[in-house]
Amino acid sequence: MGQIHRKNTGLKRFLLAEYEFNYGEERFYLKDKVGNSMLYFSVMAEFPNQKILIEENLNEDVDLHANDERLASILTGDSFFTVSFSFNDSITPHSNLFVLLVLMYFMLKIYKDEAGIVDDIIDIF
């Protein structure tokens, strides 16, 4: 079982979100990739022997890279019912990367909602 939550860092969370991912007894920390996260969803982390990057691509889908190799994708579609996940054979359903990517879909949804709020505020000025 895994769970993820975003740390509440006040207004800073709009500029640089931080996440905690718990998988079994393991705990991992993720954070927005500085600079990129203002333009699109981009989160990075360090797992044992792996540098993780979860990033929105030009198609507005999300790719998971480990050590610069794409291992999985979220194909976002138009609604929750059209979302699909694509995993490299090296990722098993019980691995931390599998669970992380599935949970990151929901972090993506929160990011999109908050980006919309920030855009609305910027439009006011």
C-alpha atoms as a PDB file:
ATOM      1  CA  MET A   1       0.000   0.000   0.000  1.00  0.00           C
ATOM      2  CA  GLY A   2       1.235   3.489  -0.769  1.00  0.00           C
ATOM      3  CA  GLN A   3       0.183   7.001  -0.011  1.00  0.00           C
ATOM      4  CA  ILE A   4       1.324  10.423  -1.093  1.00  0.00           C
ATOM      5  CA  HIS A   5       0.640  13.838   0.291  1.00  0.00           C
ATOM      6  CA  ARG A   6       1.810  17.306  -0.442  1.00  0.00           C
ATOM      7  CA  LYS A   7       3.482  19.108   2.392  1.00  0.00           C
ATOM      8  CA  ASN A   8       1.714  22.274   3.441  1.00  0.00           C
ATOM      9  CA  THR A   9       4.319  25.003   3.069  1.00  0.00           C
ATOM     10  CA  GLY A  10       1.938  27.967   2.884  1.00  0.00           C
ATOM     11  CA  LEU A  11       2.149  30.183  -0.171  1.00  0.00           C
ATOM     12  CA  LYS A  12       5.464  28.576  -1.098  1.00  0.00           C
ATOM     13  CA  ARG A  13       3.532  25.529  -2.305  1.00  0.00           C
ATOM     14  CA  PHE A  14       2.345  27.498  -5.343  1.00  0.00           C
ATOM     15  CA  LEU A  15       5.967  28.032  -6.378  1.00  0.00           C
ATOM     16  CA  LEU A  16       7.681  24.869  -5.172  1.00  0.00           C
ATOM     17  CA  ALA A  17       5.525  21.986  -3.964  1.00  0.00           C
ATOM     18  CA  GLU A  18       7.042  19.225  -1.851  1.00  0.00           C
ATOM     19  CA  TYR A  19       5.609  15.730  -1.499  1.00  0.00           C
ATOM     20  CA  GLU A  20       6.063  12.779   0.813  1.00  0.00           C
ATOM     21  CA  PHE A  21       5.504   9.313  -0.644  1.00  0.00           C
ATOM     22  CA  ASN A  22       5.142   6.372   1.719  1.00  0.00           C
ATOM     23  CA  TYR A  23       5.321   2.850   0.368  1.00  0.00           C
ATOM     24  CA  GLY A  24       5.267   0.148   3.007  1.00  0.00           C
ATOM     25  CA  GLU A  25       8.051   1.029   5.430  1.00  0.00           C
ATOM     26  CA  GLU A  26       9.835   3.244   2.901  1.00  0.00           C
ATOM     27  CA  ARG A  27       9.522   7.039   2.832  1.00  0.00           C
ATOM     28  CA  PHE A  28      10.553   9.163  -0.149  1.00  0.00           C
ATOM     29  CA  TYR A  29      10.583  12.917  -0.643  1.00  0.00           C
ATOM     30  CA  LEU A  30       9.762  14.575  -3.933  1.00  0.00           C
ATOM     31  CA  LYS A  31       9.728  18.214  -4.974  1.00  0.00           C
ATOM     32  CA  ASP A  32       8.870  20.324  -7.961  1.00  0.00           C
ATOM     33  CA  LYS A  33      11.703  20.817 -10.400  1.00  0.00           C
ATOM     34  CA  VAL A  34      12.665  24.461  -9.974  1.00  0.00           C
ATOM     35  CA  GLY A  35      11.878  26.554 -13.036  1.00  0.00           C
ATOM     36  CA  ASN A  36       9.966  23.880 -14.915  1.00  0.00           C
ATOM     37  CA  SER A  37       7.086  23.604 -12.453  1.00  0.00           C
ATOM     38  CA  MET A  38       5.925  27.126 -13.287  1.00  0.00           C
ATOM     39  CA  LEU A  39       5.329  26.044 -16.889  1.00  0.00           C
ATOM     40  CA  TYR A  40       4.241  22.414 -16.561  1.00  0.00           C
ATOM     41  CA  PHE A  41       4.028  19.558 -14.072  1.00  0.00           C
ATOM     42  CA  SER A  42       7.557  18.455 -13.190  1.00  0.00           C
ATOM     43  CA  VAL A  43       8.514  16.576 -10.024  1.00  0.00           C
ATOM     44  CA  MET A  44      11.839  14.992  -9.096  1.00  0.00           C
ATOM     45  CA  ALA A  45      13.117  12.691  -6.373  1.00  0.00           C
ATOM     46  CA  GLU A  46      16.014  10.492  -5.416  1.00  0.00           C
ATOM     47  CA  PHE A  47      15.227   6.871  -4.704  1.00  0.00           C
ATOM     48  CA  PRO A  48      17.951   4.375  -3.785  1.00  0.00           C
ATOM     49  CA  ASN A  49      20.166   4.131  -6.894  1.00  0.00           C
ATOM     50  CA  GLN A  50      17.634   6.055  -8.992  1.00  0.00           C
ATOM     51  CA  LYS A  51      17.052   9.666  -9.931  1.00  0.00           C
ATOM     52  CA  ILE A  52      13.345  10.007 -10.617  1.00  0.00           C
ATOM     53  CA  LEU A  53      11.729  12.623 -12.845  1.00  0.00           C
ATOM     54  CA  ILE A  54       7.973  12.736 -13.394  1.00  0.00           C
ATOM     55  CA  GLU A  55       7.212  15.323 -16.027  1.00  0.00           C
ATOM     56  CA  GLU A  56       4.424  16.508 -18.292  1.00  0.00           C
ATOM     57  CA  ASN A  57       5.300  16.225 -21.977  1.00  0.00           C
ATOM     58  CA  LEU A  58       4.188  18.256 -25.005  1.00  0.00           C
ATOM     59  CA  ASN A  59       1.066  16.077 -25.398  1.00  0.00           C
ATOM     60  CA  GLU A  60       0.059  16.932 -21.797  1.00  0.00           C
ATOM     61  CA  ASP A  61       0.677  13.323 -20.826  1.00  0.00           C
ATOM     62  CA  VAL A  62       3.095  12.531 -17.989  1.00  0.00           C
ATOM     63  CA  ASP A  63       6.277  10.461 -18.249  1.00  0.00           C
ATOM     64  CA  LEU A  64       8.193   8.806 -15.430  1.00  0.00           C
ATOM     65  CA  HIS A  65      11.954   8.639 -15.973  1.00  0.00           C
ATOM     66  CA  ALA A  66      14.409   6.774 -13.766  1.00  0.00           C
ATOM     67  CA  ASN A  67      18.087   7.522 -14.398  1.00  0.00           C
ATOM     68  CA  ASP A  68      17.135   9.290 -17.667  1.00  0.00           C
ATOM     69  CA  GLU A  69      15.221   6.260 -19.019  1.00  0.00           C
ATOM     70  CA  ARG A  70      11.464   6.548 -19.601  1.00  0.00           C
ATOM     71  CA  LEU A  71       9.843   3.687 -17.728  1.00  0.00           C
ATOM     72  CA  ALA A  72       6.176   4.659 -17.633  1.00  0.00           C
ATOM     73  CA  SER A  73       3.581   7.165 -18.814  1.00  0.00           C
ATOM     74  CA  ILE A  74       0.193   8.482 -17.835  1.00  0.00           C
ATOM     75  CA  LEU A  75      -1.913   9.044 -20.943  1.00  0.00           C
ATOM     76  CA  THR A  76      -4.307  11.640 -19.563  1.00  0.00           C
ATOM     77  CA  GLY A  77      -7.171  11.625 -22.087  1.00  0.00           C
ATOM     78  CA  ASP A  78     -10.168  13.935 -21.741  1.00  0.00           C
ATOM     79  CA  SER A  79     -11.651  12.552 -18.519  1.00  0.00           C
ATOM     80  CA  PHE A  80     -10.892  10.216 -15.647  1.00  0.00           C
ATOM     81  CA  PHE A  81     -12.466   7.371 -17.604  1.00  0.00           C
ATOM     82  CA  THR A  82     -10.053   7.801 -20.514  1.00  0.00           C
ATOM     83  CA  VAL A  83      -6.845   7.865 -18.456  1.00  0.00           C
ATOM     84  CA  SER A  84      -4.468   4.999 -19.134  1.00  0.00           C
ATOM     85  CA  PHE A  85      -1.084   3.999 -17.803  1.00  0.00           C
ATOM     86  CA  SER A  86       1.770   2.493 -19.757  1.00  0.00           C
ATOM     87  CA  PHE A  87       4.581   0.708 -17.896  1.00  0.00           C
ATOM     88  CA  ASN A  88       7.908  -0.736 -18.983  1.00  0.00           C
ATOM     89  CA  ASP A  89       8.188  -4.477 -18.271  1.00  0.00           C
ATOM     90  CA  SER A  90      10.701  -3.731 -15.504  1.00  0.00           C
ATOM     91  CA  ILE A  91       7.966  -2.140 -13.362  1.00  0.00           C
ATOM     92  CA  THR A  92       5.798  -4.637 -11.523  1.00  0.00           C
ATOM     93  CA  PRO A  93       2.375  -3.820 -10.024  1.00  0.00           C
ATOM     94  CA  HIS A  94       3.840  -4.165  -6.522  1.00  0.00           C
ATOM     95  CA  SER A  95       6.828  -1.863  -7.074  1.00  0.00           C
ATOM     96  CA  ASN A  96       7.172   1.577  -5.554  1.00  0.00           C
ATOM     97  CA  LEU A  97       7.416   3.200  -9.018  1.00  0.00           C
ATOM     98  CA  PHE A  98       4.130   1.628 -10.124  1.00  0.00           C
ATOM     99  CA  VAL A  99       2.321   2.888  -7.032  1.00  0.00           C
ATOM    100  CA  LEU A 100       4.017   6.290  -7.266  1.00  0.00           C
ATOM    101  CA  LEU A 101       2.931   6.889 -10.857  1.00  0.00           C
ATOM    102  CA  VAL A 102      -0.669   5.937 -10.168  1.00  0.00           C
ATOM    103  CA  LEU A 103      -0.753   8.334  -7.197  1.00  0.00           C
ATOM    104  CA  MET A 104       0.978  11.094  -9.163  1.00  0.00           C
ATOM    105  CA  TYR A 105      -2.032  11.239 -11.478  1.00  0.00           C
ATOM    106  CA  PHE A 106      -3.955  12.771  -8.592  1.00  0.00           C
ATOM    107  CA  MET A 107      -1.122  15.199  -7.817  1.00  0.00           C
ATOM    108  CA  LEU A 108      -1.265  16.226 -11.488  1.00  0.00           C
ATOM    109  CA  LYS A 109      -4.979  16.982 -11.120  1.00  0.00           C
ATOM    110  CA  ILE A 110      -4.282  19.170  -8.064  1.00  0.00           C
ATOM    111  CA  TYR A 111      -1.459  20.925  -9.941  1.00  0.00           C
ATOM    112  CA  LYS A 112      -3.786  21.662 -12.885  1.00  0.00           C
ATOM    113  CA  ASP A 113      -6.489  23.049 -10.588  1.00  0.00           C
ATOM    114  CA  GLU A 114      -4.031  25.288  -8.743  1.00  0.00           C
ATOM    115  CA  ALA A 115      -2.371  26.443 -11.968  1.00  0.00           C
ATOM    116  CA  GLY A 116      -5.817  27.519 -13.139  1.00  0.00           C
ATOM    117  CA  ILE A 117      -6.311  29.536  -9.957  1.00  0.00           C
ATOM    118  CA  VAL A 118      -2.932  31.235 -10.366  1.00  0.00           C
ATOM    119  CA  ASP A 119      -3.735  32.012 -14.023  1.00  0.00           C
ATOM    120  CA  ASP A 120      -7.035  33.579 -12.940  1.00  0.00           C
ATOM    121  CA  ILE A 121      -5.254  35.746 -10.367  1.00  0.00           C
ATOM    122  CA  ILE A 122      -2.664  36.857 -12.931  1.00  0.00           C
ATOM    123  CA  ASP A 123      -5.458  37.723 -15.403  1.00  0.00           C
ATOM    124  CA  ILE A 124      -6.998  40.063 -12.811  1.00  0.00           C
ATOM    125  CA  PHE A 125      -3.839  42.161 -12.788  1.00  0.00           C
END
